[in-house]
């Protein structure tokens, strides 16, 4: 079910918050909107919907998947 006008970022943010409320966290980095743009620059044009943290350079392996998603989105212009 979709909410008219709500995009992938809205769906991701909602799922992340509901999951946190019930004690679930992502196991992979979900790529959508800005995070997809950042991942494409960092991972040679990845088109996957989600990727494990292990595919990113080693320096990023200490981040949680939701932190990596945030980093990719925030720094997409600089990657």
N, C-alpha and C. Protein backbone atom coordinates (compact mmCIF):
# COMPACT_ATOMS: atom_id res chain seq x y z
N UNK A 1 0.85 -1.18 0.00
CA UNK A 1 0.00 0.00 0.00
C UNK A 1 0.89 1.24 0.00
N UNK A 2 0.58 2.17 -0.84
CA UNK A 2 1.37 3.39 -0.95
C UNK A 2 0.53 4.60 -0.57
N UNK A 3 1.21 5.60 -0.09
CA UNK A 3 0.58 6.88 0.21
C UNK A 3 0.93 7.79 -0.96
N UNK A 4 -0.05 8.35 -1.59
CA UNK A 4 0.17 9.20 -2.74
C UNK A 4 1.15 10.32 -2.39
N UNK A 5 2.18 10.46 -3.21
CA UNK A 5 3.17 11.50 -3.01
C UNK A 5 4.33 11.10 -2.10
N UNK A 6 4.20 9.97 -1.42
CA UNK A 6 5.27 9.51 -0.53
C UNK A 6 6.23 8.65 -1.35
N UNK A 7 7.50 8.97 -1.31
CA UNK A 7 8.48 8.25 -2.09
C UNK A 7 9.22 7.19 -1.30
N UNK A 8 10.29 6.70 -1.90
CA UNK A 8 11.09 5.64 -1.29
C UNK A 8 11.72 6.08 0.02
N UNK A 9 12.14 7.33 0.11
CA UNK A 9 12.74 7.82 1.35
C UNK A 9 11.74 7.79 2.50
N UNK A 10 10.51 8.17 2.24
CA UNK A 10 9.46 8.13 3.26
C UNK A 10 9.24 6.69 3.73
N UNK A 11 9.18 5.77 2.80
CA UNK A 11 8.96 4.36 3.14
C UNK A 11 10.13 3.83 3.97
N UNK A 12 11.35 4.16 3.57
CA UNK A 12 12.54 3.70 4.31
C UNK A 12 12.54 4.27 5.73
N UNK A 13 12.36 5.57 5.85
CA UNK A 13 12.39 6.21 7.17
C UNK A 13 11.31 5.64 8.09
N UNK A 14 10.14 5.40 7.55
CA UNK A 14 9.05 4.83 8.35
C UNK A 14 9.39 3.41 8.79
N UNK A 15 9.89 2.60 7.87
CA UNK A 15 10.26 1.22 8.21
C UNK A 15 11.39 1.19 9.24
N UNK A 16 12.35 2.09 9.10
CA UNK A 16 13.47 2.16 10.05
C UNK A 16 12.96 2.48 11.45
N UNK A 17 12.05 3.43 11.56
CA UNK A 17 11.53 3.83 12.87
C UNK A 17 10.62 2.77 13.49
N UNK A 18 9.78 2.14 12.69
CA UNK A 18 8.93 1.07 13.19
C UNK A 18 9.81 -0.10 13.64
N UNK A 19 10.82 -0.44 12.83
CA UNK A 19 11.74 -1.51 13.19
C UNK A 19 12.47 -1.23 14.49
N UNK A 20 12.94 0.00 14.65
CA UNK A 20 13.64 0.37 15.89
C UNK A 20 12.71 0.24 17.09
N UNK A 21 11.47 0.59 16.91
CA UNK A 21 10.49 0.51 18.00
C UNK A 21 10.30 -0.93 18.46
N UNK A 22 10.33 -1.88 17.53
CA UNK A 22 10.13 -3.29 17.89
C UNK A 22 11.45 -4.07 18.01
N UNK A 23 12.56 -3.33 17.97
CA UNK A 23 13.86 -3.96 18.21
C UNK A 23 14.53 -4.57 17.00
N UNK A 24 14.18 -4.14 15.79
CA UNK A 24 14.81 -4.65 14.58
C UNK A 24 15.63 -3.56 13.91
N UNK A 25 16.80 -3.92 13.43
CA UNK A 25 17.63 -2.98 12.70
C UNK A 25 18.00 -3.59 11.35
N UNK A 26 18.34 -2.77 10.38
CA UNK A 26 18.70 -3.30 9.06
C UNK A 26 19.99 -4.13 9.11
N UNK A 27 20.07 -5.13 8.24
CA UNK A 27 21.27 -5.96 8.13
C UNK A 27 22.07 -5.57 6.90
N UNK A 28 21.48 -4.78 6.02
CA UNK A 28 22.15 -4.31 4.81
C UNK A 28 21.90 -2.83 4.65
N UNK A 29 22.68 -2.21 3.78
CA UNK A 29 22.51 -0.79 3.48
C UNK A 29 21.47 -0.70 2.37
N UNK A 30 20.33 -0.10 2.66
CA UNK A 30 19.28 0.05 1.67
C UNK A 30 19.54 1.30 0.84
N UNK A 31 19.46 1.14 -0.46
CA UNK A 31 19.79 2.22 -1.39
C UNK A 31 18.54 2.76 -2.05
N UNK A 32 18.33 4.04 -1.87
CA UNK A 32 17.17 4.73 -2.43
C UNK A 32 17.52 6.20 -2.51
N UNK A 33 16.91 6.93 -3.34
CA UNK A 33 17.07 8.38 -3.44
C UNK A 33 18.54 8.79 -3.35
N UNK A 34 18.90 9.64 -2.39
CA UNK A 34 20.26 10.14 -2.26
C UNK A 34 21.28 9.08 -1.93
N UNK A 35 20.92 8.09 -1.14
CA UNK A 35 21.89 7.04 -0.80
C UNK A 35 22.26 6.21 -2.02
N UNK A 36 21.32 6.03 -2.93
CA UNK A 36 21.60 5.31 -4.18
C UNK A 36 22.60 6.10 -5.02
N UNK A 37 22.40 7.40 -5.09
CA UNK A 37 23.32 8.26 -5.84
C UNK A 37 24.73 8.18 -5.26
N UNK A 38 24.85 8.24 -3.95
CA UNK A 38 26.15 8.13 -3.30
C UNK A 38 26.80 6.78 -3.53
N UNK A 39 26.02 5.72 -3.42
CA UNK A 39 26.55 4.36 -3.61
C UNK A 39 27.01 4.15 -5.05
N UNK A 40 26.30 4.72 -6.00
CA UNK A 40 26.70 4.57 -7.40
C UNK A 40 28.07 5.20 -7.65
N UNK A 41 28.37 6.28 -6.97
CA UNK A 41 29.68 6.92 -7.11
C UNK A 41 30.77 6.13 -6.40
N UNK A 42 30.43 5.57 -5.26
CA UNK A 42 31.42 4.86 -4.45
C UNK A 42 31.63 3.42 -4.91
N UNK A 43 30.60 2.79 -5.45
CA UNK A 43 30.66 1.38 -5.81
C UNK A 43 30.59 1.14 -7.31
N UNK A 44 31.03 2.05 -8.09
CA UNK A 44 31.05 1.89 -9.54
C UNK A 44 29.66 1.58 -10.11
N UNK A 45 28.74 2.48 -9.90
CA UNK A 45 27.40 2.41 -10.48
C UNK A 45 26.57 1.21 -10.03
N UNK A 46 26.56 0.93 -8.75
CA UNK A 46 25.70 -0.13 -8.21
C UNK A 46 24.24 0.21 -8.43
N UNK A 47 23.46 -0.76 -8.84
CA UNK A 47 22.03 -0.55 -9.06
C UNK A 47 21.18 -1.43 -8.13
N UNK A 48 21.82 -2.07 -7.17
CA UNK A 48 21.10 -2.95 -6.24
C UNK A 48 20.21 -2.12 -5.32
N UNK A 49 19.18 -2.75 -4.78
CA UNK A 49 18.30 -2.07 -3.82
C UNK A 49 18.89 -2.07 -2.42
N UNK A 50 19.73 -3.06 -2.14
CA UNK A 50 20.42 -3.11 -0.85
C UNK A 50 21.73 -3.87 -1.05
N UNK A 51 22.71 -3.53 -0.23
CA UNK A 51 24.02 -4.18 -0.31
C UNK A 51 24.56 -4.37 1.11
N UNK A 52 25.34 -5.42 1.33
CA UNK A 52 25.94 -5.60 2.66
C UNK A 52 27.03 -4.54 2.89
N UNK A 53 27.26 -4.22 4.13
CA UNK A 53 28.27 -3.22 4.47
C UNK A 53 29.65 -3.67 3.99
N UNK A 54 29.87 -4.96 3.85
CA UNK A 54 31.18 -5.51 3.47
C UNK A 54 31.61 -5.11 2.05
N UNK A 55 30.69 -4.69 1.19
CA UNK A 55 31.07 -4.30 -0.17
C UNK A 55 31.68 -2.90 -0.23
N UNK A 56 31.55 -2.14 0.84
CA UNK A 56 32.11 -0.80 0.89
C UNK A 56 33.58 -0.87 1.32
N UNK A 57 34.36 0.16 1.05
CA UNK A 57 35.75 0.16 1.51
C UNK A 57 35.85 -0.10 3.01
N UNK A 58 36.94 -0.72 3.42
CA UNK A 58 37.14 -1.17 4.79
C UNK A 58 36.91 -0.08 5.83
N UNK A 59 37.26 1.13 5.51
CA UNK A 59 37.13 2.23 6.47
C UNK A 59 35.67 2.42 6.93
N UNK A 60 34.71 1.97 6.14
CA UNK A 60 33.30 2.13 6.48
C UNK A 60 32.72 0.94 7.24
N UNK A 61 33.45 -0.13 7.41
CA UNK A 61 32.91 -1.35 8.01
C UNK A 61 32.49 -1.20 9.47
N UNK A 62 32.98 -0.18 10.15
CA UNK A 62 32.60 0.04 11.55
C UNK A 62 31.21 0.67 11.68
N UNK A 63 30.67 1.17 10.57
CA UNK A 63 29.35 1.81 10.61
C UNK A 63 28.23 0.78 10.57
N UNK A 64 27.13 1.11 11.20
CA UNK A 64 25.91 0.30 11.08
C UNK A 64 25.29 0.59 9.71
N UNK A 65 24.53 -0.33 9.16
CA UNK A 65 23.92 -0.10 7.84
C UNK A 65 23.12 1.20 7.75
N UNK A 66 22.37 1.53 8.80
CA UNK A 66 21.58 2.76 8.73
C UNK A 66 22.48 4.01 8.78
N UNK A 67 23.63 3.89 9.43
CA UNK A 67 24.59 5.00 9.45
C UNK A 67 25.24 5.17 8.07
N UNK A 68 25.54 4.05 7.42
CA UNK A 68 26.13 4.10 6.08
C UNK A 68 25.14 4.70 5.09
N UNK A 69 23.87 4.35 5.22
CA UNK A 69 22.83 4.91 4.34
C UNK A 69 22.79 6.42 4.51
N UNK A 70 22.87 6.88 5.73
CA UNK A 70 22.85 8.31 6.02
C UNK A 70 24.09 9.00 5.44
N UNK A 71 25.26 8.40 5.62
CA UNK A 71 26.50 8.95 5.09
C UNK A 71 26.43 9.08 3.57
N UNK A 72 25.96 8.02 2.89
CA UNK A 72 25.86 8.04 1.43
C UNK A 72 24.95 9.16 0.95
N UNK A 73 23.88 9.37 1.67
CA UNK A 73 22.92 10.41 1.30
C UNK A 73 23.50 11.80 1.54
N UNK A 74 24.06 12.01 2.71
CA UNK A 74 24.58 13.33 3.07
C UNK A 74 25.78 13.75 2.22
N UNK A 75 26.65 12.80 1.87
CA UNK A 75 27.89 13.15 1.17
C UNK A 75 27.90 12.73 -0.30
N UNK A 76 26.76 12.49 -0.88
CA UNK A 76 26.68 12.03 -2.26
C UNK A 76 27.34 12.98 -3.24
N UNK A 77 27.32 14.26 -2.95
CA UNK A 77 27.93 15.24 -3.85
C UNK A 77 29.46 15.21 -3.80
N UNK A 78 30.02 14.68 -2.73
CA UNK A 78 31.46 14.72 -2.51
C UNK A 78 32.15 13.38 -2.77
N UNK A 79 31.39 12.34 -3.02
CA UNK A 79 32.00 11.02 -3.24
C UNK A 79 32.52 10.88 -4.66
